[in-house]
């Protein structure tokens, strides 16, 4: 039954059984629609309140971190608090159990204020557990020939067979699934 037909009814006692059923279903659908609108409004209010709570919690946590001499968190937590860490810009970052953490998880949480990055961990004790990649999908690039030679010495063929290590100039126009760019420079100054 449509709304204009339902509004036109003056006395439901004059309706036959079939039309009374149609009118009843129309009323039920009207109540359902009203409740769904109410639920949508409340859901939107809840989502807005949850977002405000998240923002306030982040601000409170930022103030706590800003006033602390040392802040400790997991890499997962650091990813969640990335805006706070970028705002605070800690100069020293210490990564404990670094042998268990993939470099990408650490690098993405660093801010431009980081002056010292210390990794603590026994690389012989626990190794990271990367999944889904084989060595041929990995390329390590460097900008200096001296660093290329140092990397090749540190990467025994038995463990890194298939990983390509080269200088940037030799890699132009190529691609791979994972490319690690090393910009470390070593000199006697600074």
N, C-alpha and C. Protein backbone atom coordinates (compact mmCIF):
# COMPACT_ATOMS: atom_id res chain seq x y z
N UNK A 1 0.85 -1.17 0.00
CA UNK A 1 0.00 0.00 0.00
C UNK A 1 0.90 1.24 0.00
N UNK A 2 0.53 2.23 -0.76
CA UNK A 2 1.27 3.48 -0.85
C UNK A 2 0.74 4.45 0.20
N UNK A 3 1.54 5.47 0.51
CA UNK A 3 1.18 6.44 1.55
C UNK A 3 -0.11 7.19 1.22
N UNK A 4 -0.27 7.64 -0.04
CA UNK A 4 -1.47 8.41 -0.38
C UNK A 4 -2.73 7.58 -0.23
N UNK A 5 -2.64 6.28 -0.51
CA UNK A 5 -3.79 5.38 -0.34
C UNK A 5 -4.10 5.20 1.15
N UNK A 6 -3.04 5.06 1.98
CA UNK A 6 -3.25 4.89 3.42
C UNK A 6 -3.82 6.15 4.05
N UNK A 7 -3.37 7.33 3.61
CA UNK A 7 -3.86 8.59 4.16
C UNK A 7 -5.33 8.81 3.81
N UNK A 8 -5.75 8.30 2.67
CA UNK A 8 -7.13 8.49 2.21
C UNK A 8 -8.14 7.65 3.01
N UNK A 9 -7.68 6.68 3.76
CA UNK A 9 -8.59 5.82 4.53
C UNK A 9 -9.13 6.60 5.72
N UNK A 10 -10.46 6.67 5.84
CA UNK A 10 -11.12 7.39 6.93
C UNK A 10 -11.58 6.47 8.05
N UNK A 11 -11.95 5.25 7.69
CA UNK A 11 -12.46 4.31 8.70
C UNK A 11 -11.97 2.91 8.34
N UNK A 12 -11.05 2.38 9.16
CA UNK A 12 -10.47 1.06 8.82
C UNK A 12 -11.50 -0.06 8.94
N UNK A 13 -12.62 0.21 9.62
CA UNK A 13 -13.65 -0.83 9.74
C UNK A 13 -14.34 -1.10 8.41
N UNK A 14 -14.19 -0.17 7.48
CA UNK A 14 -14.83 -0.35 6.17
C UNK A 14 -13.96 -1.16 5.21
N UNK A 15 -12.69 -1.43 5.62
CA UNK A 15 -11.76 -2.16 4.75
C UNK A 15 -12.03 -3.66 4.79
N UNK A 16 -11.84 -4.32 3.68
CA UNK A 16 -11.95 -5.78 3.67
C UNK A 16 -10.68 -6.37 4.31
N UNK A 17 -10.67 -7.65 4.55
CA UNK A 17 -9.57 -8.31 5.24
C UNK A 17 -8.24 -8.10 4.52
N UNK A 18 -8.24 -8.24 3.20
CA UNK A 18 -7.00 -8.08 2.41
C UNK A 18 -6.44 -6.66 2.56
N UNK A 19 -7.27 -5.63 2.45
CA UNK A 19 -6.79 -4.24 2.56
C UNK A 19 -6.35 -3.91 3.98
N UNK A 20 -7.02 -4.51 4.98
CA UNK A 20 -6.55 -4.31 6.37
C UNK A 20 -5.13 -4.87 6.54
N UNK A 21 -4.85 -6.02 5.93
CA UNK A 21 -3.50 -6.60 5.98
C UNK A 21 -2.49 -5.70 5.29
N UNK A 22 -2.86 -5.15 4.17
CA UNK A 22 -1.98 -4.23 3.45
C UNK A 22 -1.70 -2.99 4.28
N UNK A 23 -2.74 -2.44 4.92
CA UNK A 23 -2.57 -1.25 5.76
C UNK A 23 -1.69 -1.57 6.96
N UNK A 24 -1.88 -2.74 7.56
CA UNK A 24 -1.06 -3.16 8.70
C UNK A 24 0.43 -3.24 8.29
N UNK A 25 0.70 -3.89 7.15
CA UNK A 25 2.08 -4.00 6.66
C UNK A 25 2.66 -2.63 6.35
N UNK A 26 1.84 -1.70 5.84
CA UNK A 26 2.30 -0.35 5.58
C UNK A 26 2.71 0.33 6.88
N UNK A 27 1.89 0.19 7.92
CA UNK A 27 2.23 0.80 9.22
C UNK A 27 3.52 0.21 9.79
N UNK A 28 3.64 -1.11 9.68
CA UNK A 28 4.85 -1.78 10.17
C UNK A 28 6.07 -1.24 9.43
N UNK A 29 5.97 -1.10 8.10
CA UNK A 29 7.09 -0.59 7.31
C UNK A 29 7.42 0.86 7.70
N UNK A 30 6.39 1.67 8.01
CA UNK A 30 6.62 3.05 8.45
C UNK A 30 7.41 3.08 9.76
N UNK A 31 7.05 2.20 10.70
CA UNK A 31 7.76 2.13 11.98
C UNK A 31 9.20 1.67 11.77
N UNK A 32 9.38 0.68 10.91
CA UNK A 32 10.74 0.19 10.61
C UNK A 32 11.58 1.31 10.00
N UNK A 33 11.01 2.03 9.03
CA UNK A 33 11.74 3.12 8.39
C UNK A 33 12.12 4.21 9.39
N UNK A 34 11.20 4.56 10.28
CA UNK A 34 11.50 5.57 11.30
C UNK A 34 12.63 5.09 12.22
N UNK A 35 12.55 3.82 12.61
CA UNK A 35 13.59 3.28 13.49
C UNK A 35 14.94 3.22 12.79
N UNK A 36 14.94 2.87 11.50
CA UNK A 36 16.19 2.84 10.76
C UNK A 36 16.80 4.23 10.65
N UNK A 37 15.98 5.25 10.41
CA UNK A 37 16.48 6.63 10.38
C UNK A 37 17.08 7.01 11.73
N UNK A 38 16.39 6.64 12.80
CA UNK A 38 16.89 6.92 14.16
C UNK A 38 18.21 6.20 14.41
N UNK A 39 18.29 4.96 13.99
CA UNK A 39 19.53 4.19 14.16
C UNK A 39 20.66 4.84 13.36
N UNK A 40 20.37 5.28 12.13
CA UNK A 40 21.40 5.94 11.32
C UNK A 40 21.89 7.21 12.00
N UNK A 41 20.98 8.00 12.55
CA UNK A 41 21.36 9.23 13.25
C UNK A 41 22.25 8.90 14.45
N UNK A 42 21.85 7.91 15.24
CA UNK A 42 22.62 7.53 16.43
C UNK A 42 23.98 6.95 16.05
N UNK A 43 24.02 6.18 14.94
CA UNK A 43 25.30 5.64 14.49
C UNK A 43 26.25 6.77 14.11
N UNK A 44 25.73 7.77 13.39
CA UNK A 44 26.56 8.92 13.01
C UNK A 44 27.04 9.68 14.25
N UNK A 45 26.16 9.86 15.24
CA UNK A 45 26.54 10.53 16.48
C UNK A 45 27.62 9.73 17.21
N UNK A 46 27.44 8.40 17.24
CA UNK A 46 28.43 7.54 17.91
C UNK A 46 29.78 7.63 17.21
N UNK A 47 29.78 7.55 15.87
CA UNK A 47 31.04 7.63 15.13
C UNK A 47 31.74 8.97 15.35
N UNK A 48 30.96 10.05 15.40
CA UNK A 48 31.55 11.36 15.64
C UNK A 48 32.14 11.43 17.05
N UNK A 49 31.41 10.89 18.03
CA UNK A 49 31.91 10.89 19.41
C UNK A 49 33.15 10.00 19.55
N UNK A 50 33.17 8.87 18.87
CA UNK A 50 34.33 7.98 18.92
C UNK A 50 35.55 8.66 18.30
N UNK A 51 35.35 9.40 17.23
CA UNK A 51 36.45 10.12 16.59
C UNK A 51 36.97 11.22 17.51
N UNK A 52 36.06 11.94 18.17
CA UNK A 52 36.48 12.98 19.12
C UNK A 52 37.26 12.36 20.27
N UNK A 53 36.79 11.22 20.78
CA UNK A 53 37.50 10.53 21.86
C UNK A 53 38.89 10.11 21.41
N UNK A 54 39.01 9.58 20.18
CA UNK A 54 40.31 9.18 19.66
C UNK A 54 41.25 10.38 19.57
N UNK A 55 40.73 11.51 19.10
CA UNK A 55 41.55 12.71 18.97
C UNK A 55 42.00 13.23 20.34
N UNK A 56 41.08 13.25 21.30
CA UNK A 56 41.42 13.74 22.65
C UNK A 56 42.43 12.79 23.30
N UNK A 57 42.23 11.50 23.15
CA UNK A 57 43.16 10.52 23.71
C UNK A 57 44.54 10.70 23.10
N UNK A 58 44.61 10.94 21.79
CA UNK A 58 45.89 11.16 21.14
C UNK A 58 46.55 12.42 21.68
N UNK A 59 45.78 13.50 21.89
CA UNK A 59 46.34 14.74 22.44
C UNK A 59 46.88 14.54 23.85
N UNK A 60 46.13 13.81 24.67
CA UNK A 60 46.58 13.53 26.04
C UNK A 60 47.85 12.69 26.00
N UNK A 61 47.86 11.66 25.17
CA UNK A 61 49.05 10.81 25.04
C UNK A 61 50.24 11.60 24.52
N UNK A 62 50.01 12.53 23.59
CA UNK A 62 51.10 13.36 23.08
C UNK A 62 51.69 14.22 24.19
N UNK A 63 50.84 14.79 25.03
CA UNK A 63 51.34 15.62 26.12
C UNK A 63 52.15 14.78 27.12
N UNK A 64 51.68 13.58 27.38
CA UNK A 64 52.41 12.68 28.27
C UNK A 64 53.78 12.35 27.65
N UNK A 65 53.78 12.01 26.36
CA UNK A 65 55.05 11.68 25.70
C UNK A 65 55.97 12.90 25.64
N UNK A 66 55.41 14.06 25.36
CA UNK A 66 56.22 15.28 25.24
C UNK A 66 56.90 15.62 26.57
N UNK A 67 56.23 15.33 27.68
CA UNK A 67 56.79 15.68 28.99
C UNK A 67 57.64 14.56 29.59
N UNK A 68 57.78 13.46 28.88
CA UNK A 68 58.55 12.32 29.38
C UNK A 68 59.98 12.33 28.86
N UNK A 69 60.89 11.87 29.70
CA UNK A 69 62.29 11.76 29.29
C UNK A 69 62.48 10.55 28.38
N UNK A 70 61.73 9.48 28.63
CA UNK A 70 61.84 8.25 27.85
C UNK A 70 60.44 7.77 27.52
N UNK A 71 60.23 7.41 26.28
CA UNK A 71 58.95 6.86 25.85
C UNK A 71 59.21 5.50 25.24
N UNK A 72 58.53 4.49 25.71
CA UNK A 72 58.70 3.15 25.16
C UNK A 72 57.40 2.65 24.56
N UNK A 73 57.51 1.99 23.41
CA UNK A 73 56.33 1.42 22.77
C UNK A 73 56.76 0.37 21.76
N UNK A 74 55.83 -0.46 21.37
CA UNK A 74 56.09 -1.46 20.34
C UNK A 74 56.07 -0.77 18.98
N UNK A 75 56.56 -1.46 17.95
CA UNK A 75 56.50 -0.87 16.61
C UNK A 75 55.06 -0.73 16.14
N UNK A 76 54.19 -1.62 16.57
CA UNK A 76 52.77 -1.51 16.24
C UNK A 76 52.18 -0.24 16.84
N UNK A 77 52.51 0.01 18.10
CA UNK A 77 52.05 1.22 18.78
C UNK A 77 52.66 2.46 18.12
N UNK A 78 53.92 2.38 17.74
CA UNK A 78 54.57 3.51 17.08
C UNK A 78 53.87 3.85 15.76
N UNK A 79 53.42 2.83 15.06
CA UNK A 79 52.69 3.08 13.82
C UNK A 79 51.36 3.78 14.11
N UNK A 80 50.70 3.37 15.19
CA UNK A 80 49.42 3.98 15.57
C UNK A 80 49.62 5.43 16.02
N UNK A 81 50.74 5.71 16.70
CA UNK A 81 51.02 7.05 17.20
C UNK A 81 51.95 7.83 16.28
N UNK A 82 52.02 7.45 15.01
CA UNK A 82 52.91 8.10 14.07
C UNK A 82 52.75 9.62 14.04
N UNK A 83 51.51 10.16 13.98
CA UNK A 83 51.39 11.63 14.00
C UNK A 83 52.00 12.25 15.26
N UNK A 84 51.82 11.61 16.39
CA UNK A 84 52.38 12.12 17.65
C UNK A 84 53.90 12.07 17.61
N UNK A 85 54.46 10.98 17.13
CA UNK A 85 55.92 10.86 17.06
C UNK A 85 56.52 11.87 16.08
N UNK A 86 55.83 12.09 14.99
CA UNK A 86 56.32 13.08 14.02
C UNK A 86 56.26 14.49 14.62
N UNK A 87 55.26 14.74 15.46
CA UNK A 87 55.14 16.05 16.11
C UNK A 87 56.21 16.23 17.19
N UNK A 88 56.43 15.19 17.98
CA UNK A 88 57.39 15.24 19.08
C UNK A 88 58.82 15.24 18.56
N UNK A 89 59.08 14.54 17.46
CA UNK A 89 60.40 14.42 16.85
C UNK A 89 61.49 14.00 17.84
N UNK A 90 61.40 12.78 18.38
CA UNK A 90 62.46 12.35 19.29
C UNK A 90 63.80 12.29 18.58
N UNK A 91 64.85 12.75 19.26
CA UNK A 91 66.18 12.77 18.66
C UNK A 91 66.85 11.40 18.73
N UNK A 92 66.49 10.63 19.75
CA UNK A 92 67.09 9.31 19.93
C UNK A 92 65.97 8.27 19.91
N UNK A 93 66.14 7.26 19.08
CA UNK A 93 65.18 6.16 19.00
C UNK A 93 65.94 4.87 19.26
N UNK A 94 65.48 4.10 20.23
CA UNK A 94 66.11 2.82 20.56
C UNK A 94 65.10 1.72 20.23
N UNK A 95 65.53 0.78 19.44
CA UNK A 95 64.67 -0.34 19.07
C UNK A 95 65.21 -1.58 19.76
N UNK A 96 64.47 -2.08 20.72
CA UNK A 96 64.86 -3.26 21.48
C UNK A 96 64.33 -4.49 20.76
N UNK A 97 65.02 -5.60 20.84
CA UNK A 97 64.69 -6.83 20.12
C UNK A 97 64.63 -6.56 18.61
N UNK A 98 65.58 -5.76 18.15
CA UNK A 98 65.59 -5.34 16.75
C UNK A 98 65.74 -6.50 15.78
N UNK A 99 66.33 -7.59 16.22
CA UNK A 99 66.50 -8.74 15.32
C UNK A 99 65.16 -9.34 14.92
N UNK A 100 64.13 -9.11 15.73
CA UNK A 100 62.81 -9.66 15.43
C UNK A 100 61.98 -8.77 14.51
N UNK A 101 62.39 -7.52 14.34
CA UNK A 101 61.58 -6.54 13.64
C UNK A 101 62.15 -6.29 12.25
N UNK A 102 61.28 -6.28 11.27
CA UNK A 102 61.72 -5.95 9.92
C UNK A 102 62.03 -4.46 9.84
N UNK A 103 63.05 -4.13 9.08
CA UNK A 103 63.51 -2.74 8.99
C UNK A 103 62.40 -1.79 8.55
N UNK A 104 61.55 -2.23 7.65
CA UNK A 104 60.49 -1.36 7.13
C UNK A 104 59.56 -0.91 8.25
N UNK A 105 59.31 -1.76 9.23
CA UNK A 105 58.43 -1.39 10.34
C UNK A 105 59.07 -0.31 11.21
N UNK A 106 60.38 -0.30 11.27
CA UNK A 106 61.08 0.71 12.07
C UNK A 106 61.19 2.01 11.30
N UNK A 107 61.59 1.92 10.06
CA UNK A 107 61.84 3.11 9.25
C UNK A 107 60.57 3.95 9.10
N UNK A 108 59.44 3.31 8.93
CA UNK A 108 58.20 4.07 8.73
C UNK A 108 57.79 4.85 9.96
N UNK A 109 58.31 4.50 11.12
CA UNK A 109 57.94 5.22 12.34
C UNK A 109 58.94 6.29 12.74
N UNK A 110 60.00 6.48 11.97
CA UNK A 110 61.00 7.49 12.29
C UNK A 110 60.52 8.87 11.86
N UNK A 111 60.94 9.89 12.61
CA UNK A 111 60.61 11.26 12.24
C UNK A 111 61.86 11.95 11.73
N UNK A 112 61.68 13.13 11.16
CA UNK A 112 62.84 13.86 10.63
C UNK A 112 63.76 14.35 11.75
N UNK A 113 63.28 14.36 12.99
CA UNK A 113 64.10 14.79 14.11
C UNK A 113 65.04 13.72 14.64
N UNK A 114 64.92 12.50 14.14
CA UNK A 114 65.76 11.40 14.62
C UNK A 114 67.22 11.64 14.23
N UNK A 115 68.07 11.75 15.25
CA UNK A 115 69.50 11.92 15.01
C UNK A 115 70.28 10.64 15.28
N UNK A 116 69.75 9.81 16.17
CA UNK A 116 70.43 8.56 16.53
C UNK A 116 69.40 7.44 16.57
N UNK A 117 69.68 6.39 15.83
CA UNK A 117 68.83 5.20 15.83
C UNK A 117 69.68 4.04 16.31
N UNK A 118 69.30 3.47 17.45
CA UNK A 118 70.07 2.35 18.02
C UNK A 118 69.20 1.10 17.98
N UNK A 119 69.76 0.04 17.43
CA UNK A 119 69.08 -1.24 17.36
C UNK A 119 69.75 -2.17 18.35
N UNK A 120 68.97 -2.73 19.24
CA UNK A 120 69.50 -3.66 20.23
C UNK A 120 68.88 -5.02 19.97
N UNK A 121 69.70 -6.02 19.86
CA UNK A 121 69.17 -7.36 19.66
C UNK A 121 70.24 -8.29 19.14
N UNK A 122 70.05 -9.55 19.39
CA UNK A 122 71.00 -10.57 18.96
C UNK A 122 70.49 -11.17 17.65
N UNK A 123 71.14 -10.82 16.54
CA UNK A 123 70.69 -11.30 15.23
C UNK A 123 70.85 -12.81 15.08
N UNK A 124 71.61 -13.43 15.96
CA UNK A 124 71.76 -14.89 15.92
C UNK A 124 70.65 -15.59 16.70
N UNK A 125 70.06 -14.86 17.65
CA UNK A 125 69.05 -15.46 18.52
C UNK A 125 67.70 -15.62 17.79
N UNK A 126 67.17 -14.54 17.31
CA UNK A 126 65.88 -14.57 16.64
C UNK A 126 66.00 -13.83 15.32
N UNK A 127 65.51 -14.43 14.28
CA UNK A 127 65.57 -13.79 12.96
C UNK A 127 64.17 -13.27 12.62
N UNK A 128 64.09 -12.19 11.85
CA UNK A 128 62.78 -11.76 11.39
C UNK A 128 62.14 -12.85 10.55
N UNK A 129 60.84 -12.86 10.52
CA UNK A 129 60.14 -13.89 9.78
C UNK A 129 59.38 -13.28 8.61
N UNK A 130 60.10 -12.86 7.55
CA UNK A 130 59.39 -12.30 6.40
C UNK A 130 58.66 -13.42 5.66
N UNK A 131 57.54 -13.08 5.06
CA UNK A 131 56.76 -14.10 4.36
C UNK A 131 56.49 -13.66 2.93
N UNK A 132 56.45 -14.61 2.05
CA UNK A 132 55.95 -14.38 0.70
C UNK A 132 56.95 -13.87 -0.30
N UNK A 133 58.19 -13.68 0.04
CA UNK A 133 59.16 -13.15 -0.92
C UNK A 133 60.33 -14.10 -1.06
N UNK A 134 60.81 -14.25 -2.27
CA UNK A 134 62.02 -15.03 -2.46
C UNK A 134 63.15 -14.06 -2.79
N UNK A 135 64.40 -14.48 -2.68
CA UNK A 135 65.54 -13.57 -2.86
C UNK A 135 65.55 -12.83 -4.19
N UNK A 136 65.05 -13.44 -5.25
CA UNK A 136 65.08 -12.76 -6.56
C UNK A 136 64.15 -11.56 -6.61
N UNK A 137 63.25 -11.44 -5.63
CA UNK A 137 62.33 -10.31 -5.59
C UNK A 137 62.91 -9.13 -4.80
N UNK A 138 64.16 -9.25 -4.36
CA UNK A 138 64.79 -8.23 -3.53
C UNK A 138 66.01 -7.64 -4.21
N UNK A 139 66.10 -6.31 -4.20
CA UNK A 139 67.26 -5.60 -4.71
C UNK A 139 67.73 -4.62 -3.66
N UNK A 140 69.05 -4.56 -3.43
CA UNK A 140 69.65 -3.60 -2.51
C UNK A 140 70.47 -2.63 -3.35
N UNK A 141 70.13 -1.34 -3.24
CA UNK A 141 70.84 -0.31 -3.99
C UNK A 141 71.64 0.57 -3.07
N UNK A 142 72.77 1.04 -3.55
CA UNK A 142 73.58 2.01 -2.83
C UNK A 142 74.08 3.04 -3.82
N UNK A 143 74.48 4.18 -3.32
CA UNK A 143 74.96 5.24 -4.21
C UNK A 143 76.48 5.28 -4.31
N UNK A 144 77.16 4.47 -3.51
CA UNK A 144 78.63 4.50 -3.48
C UNK A 144 79.21 3.11 -3.76
N UNK A 145 80.25 3.07 -4.59
CA UNK A 145 80.92 1.80 -4.88
C UNK A 145 81.56 1.20 -3.64
N UNK A 146 82.10 2.06 -2.78
CA UNK A 146 82.72 1.57 -1.55
C UNK A 146 81.71 0.86 -0.67
N UNK A 147 80.53 1.42 -0.59
CA UNK A 147 79.49 0.77 0.22
C UNK A 147 79.02 -0.52 -0.45
N UNK A 148 78.97 -0.53 -1.78
CA UNK A 148 78.61 -1.75 -2.50
C UNK A 148 79.56 -2.88 -2.12
N UNK A 149 80.85 -2.60 -2.13
CA UNK A 149 81.83 -3.63 -1.76
C UNK A 149 81.65 -4.06 -0.31
N UNK A 150 81.37 -3.11 0.58
CA UNK A 150 81.16 -3.46 1.99
C UNK A 150 79.92 -4.33 2.15
N UNK A 151 78.85 -3.99 1.44
CA UNK A 151 77.62 -4.80 1.52
C UNK A 151 77.85 -6.21 0.98
N UNK A 152 78.57 -6.30 -0.10
CA UNK A 152 78.84 -7.62 -0.67
C UNK A 152 79.65 -8.48 0.29
N UNK A 153 80.57 -7.86 1.05
CA UNK A 153 81.33 -8.60 2.05
C UNK A 153 80.43 -9.08 3.19
N UNK A 154 79.46 -8.24 3.56
CA UNK A 154 78.58 -8.55 4.69
C UNK A 154 77.43 -9.50 4.32
N UNK A 155 77.25 -9.72 3.04
CA UNK A 155 76.13 -10.55 2.58
C UNK A 155 76.66 -11.81 1.90
N UNK A 156 76.94 -12.86 2.69
CA UNK A 156 77.49 -14.09 2.09
C UNK A 156 76.52 -14.68 1.06
N UNK A 157 77.08 -15.14 -0.04
CA UNK A 157 76.26 -15.69 -1.13
C UNK A 157 75.39 -16.85 -0.66
N UNK A 158 75.88 -17.62 0.29
CA UNK A 158 75.10 -18.76 0.76
C UNK A 158 73.77 -18.33 1.38
N UNK A 159 73.75 -17.17 2.02
CA UNK A 159 72.52 -16.68 2.66
C UNK A 159 71.72 -15.75 1.76
N UNK A 160 72.39 -15.07 0.81
CA UNK A 160 71.74 -14.04 0.01
C UNK A 160 71.74 -14.36 -1.49
N UNK A 161 71.79 -15.65 -1.81
CA UNK A 161 71.78 -16.06 -3.20
C UNK A 161 70.49 -15.56 -3.87
N UNK A 162 70.64 -14.88 -4.98
CA UNK A 162 69.48 -14.36 -5.72
C UNK A 162 69.17 -12.90 -5.43
N UNK A 163 69.66 -12.35 -4.30
CA UNK A 163 69.45 -10.94 -3.97
C UNK A 163 70.43 -10.12 -4.80
N UNK A 164 69.90 -9.14 -5.51
CA UNK A 164 70.77 -8.30 -6.33
C UNK A 164 71.25 -7.11 -5.50
N UNK A 165 72.55 -6.88 -5.47
CA UNK A 165 73.15 -5.76 -4.78
C UNK A 165 73.94 -4.98 -5.83
N UNK A 166 73.59 -3.70 -6.01
CA UNK A 166 74.23 -2.91 -7.06
C UNK A 166 74.16 -1.43 -6.72
N UNK A 167 74.87 -0.63 -7.49
CA UNK A 167 74.80 0.82 -7.32
C UNK A 167 73.64 1.35 -8.16
N UNK A 168 73.13 2.50 -7.74
CA UNK A 168 71.96 3.09 -8.38
C UNK A 168 72.17 3.29 -9.87
N UNK A 169 73.34 3.74 -10.27
CA UNK A 169 73.61 4.02 -11.68
C UNK A 169 73.42 2.79 -12.57
N UNK A 170 73.72 1.61 -12.04
CA UNK A 170 73.58 0.38 -12.82
C UNK A 170 72.15 -0.16 -12.81
N UNK A 171 71.26 0.45 -12.07
CA UNK A 171 69.91 -0.08 -11.89
C UNK A 171 68.86 0.75 -12.62
N UNK A 172 69.24 1.82 -13.25
CA UNK A 172 68.26 2.72 -13.87
C UNK A 172 67.42 1.97 -14.89
N UNK A 173 66.11 2.20 -14.84
CA UNK A 173 65.18 1.58 -15.76
C UNK A 173 64.74 0.19 -15.36
N UNK A 174 65.24 -0.33 -14.27
CA UNK A 174 64.85 -1.67 -13.81
C UNK A 174 63.89 -1.55 -12.65
N UNK A 175 63.30 -2.67 -12.27
CA UNK A 175 62.39 -2.69 -11.12
C UNK A 175 62.40 -4.05 -10.46
N UNK A 176 61.85 -4.09 -9.24
CA UNK A 176 61.74 -5.34 -8.50
C UNK A 176 60.61 -5.17 -7.49
N UNK A 177 60.18 -6.25 -6.84
CA UNK A 177 59.11 -6.18 -5.85
C UNK A 177 59.53 -5.40 -4.62
N UNK A 178 60.76 -5.64 -4.16
CA UNK A 178 61.28 -4.94 -2.98
C UNK A 178 62.63 -4.34 -3.34
N UNK A 179 62.73 -3.02 -3.15
CA UNK A 179 63.99 -2.34 -3.40
C UNK A 179 64.38 -1.60 -2.14
N UNK A 180 65.57 -1.91 -1.62
CA UNK A 180 66.09 -1.23 -0.43
C UNK A 180 67.17 -0.27 -0.91
N UNK A 181 67.01 1.00 -0.59
CA UNK A 181 67.97 2.01 -0.98
C UNK A 181 68.76 2.42 0.24
N UNK A 182 70.06 2.21 0.20
CA UNK A 182 70.93 2.56 1.31
C UNK A 182 71.65 3.84 0.97
N UNK A 183 71.43 4.88 1.78
CA UNK A 183 72.05 6.18 1.54
C UNK A 183 73.10 6.49 2.59
N UNK A 184 73.63 5.46 3.24
CA UNK A 184 74.64 5.65 4.27
C UNK A 184 75.92 6.14 3.61
N UNK A 185 76.52 7.14 4.22
CA UNK A 185 77.79 7.65 3.72
C UNK A 185 78.77 7.67 4.86
N UNK A 186 79.97 7.26 4.60
CA UNK A 186 80.98 7.20 5.63
C UNK A 186 82.16 8.04 5.20
N UNK A 187 82.57 8.94 6.08
CA UNK A 187 83.76 9.74 5.81
C UNK A 187 84.45 10.05 7.14
N UNK A 188 85.65 10.59 7.05
CA UNK A 188 86.39 10.90 8.28
C UNK A 188 85.86 12.16 8.94
N UNK A 189 85.11 12.99 8.20
CA UNK A 189 84.53 14.20 8.78
C UNK A 189 83.16 13.89 9.33
N UNK A 190 82.86 14.45 10.52
CA UNK A 190 81.54 14.29 11.16
C UNK A 190 81.17 12.83 11.32
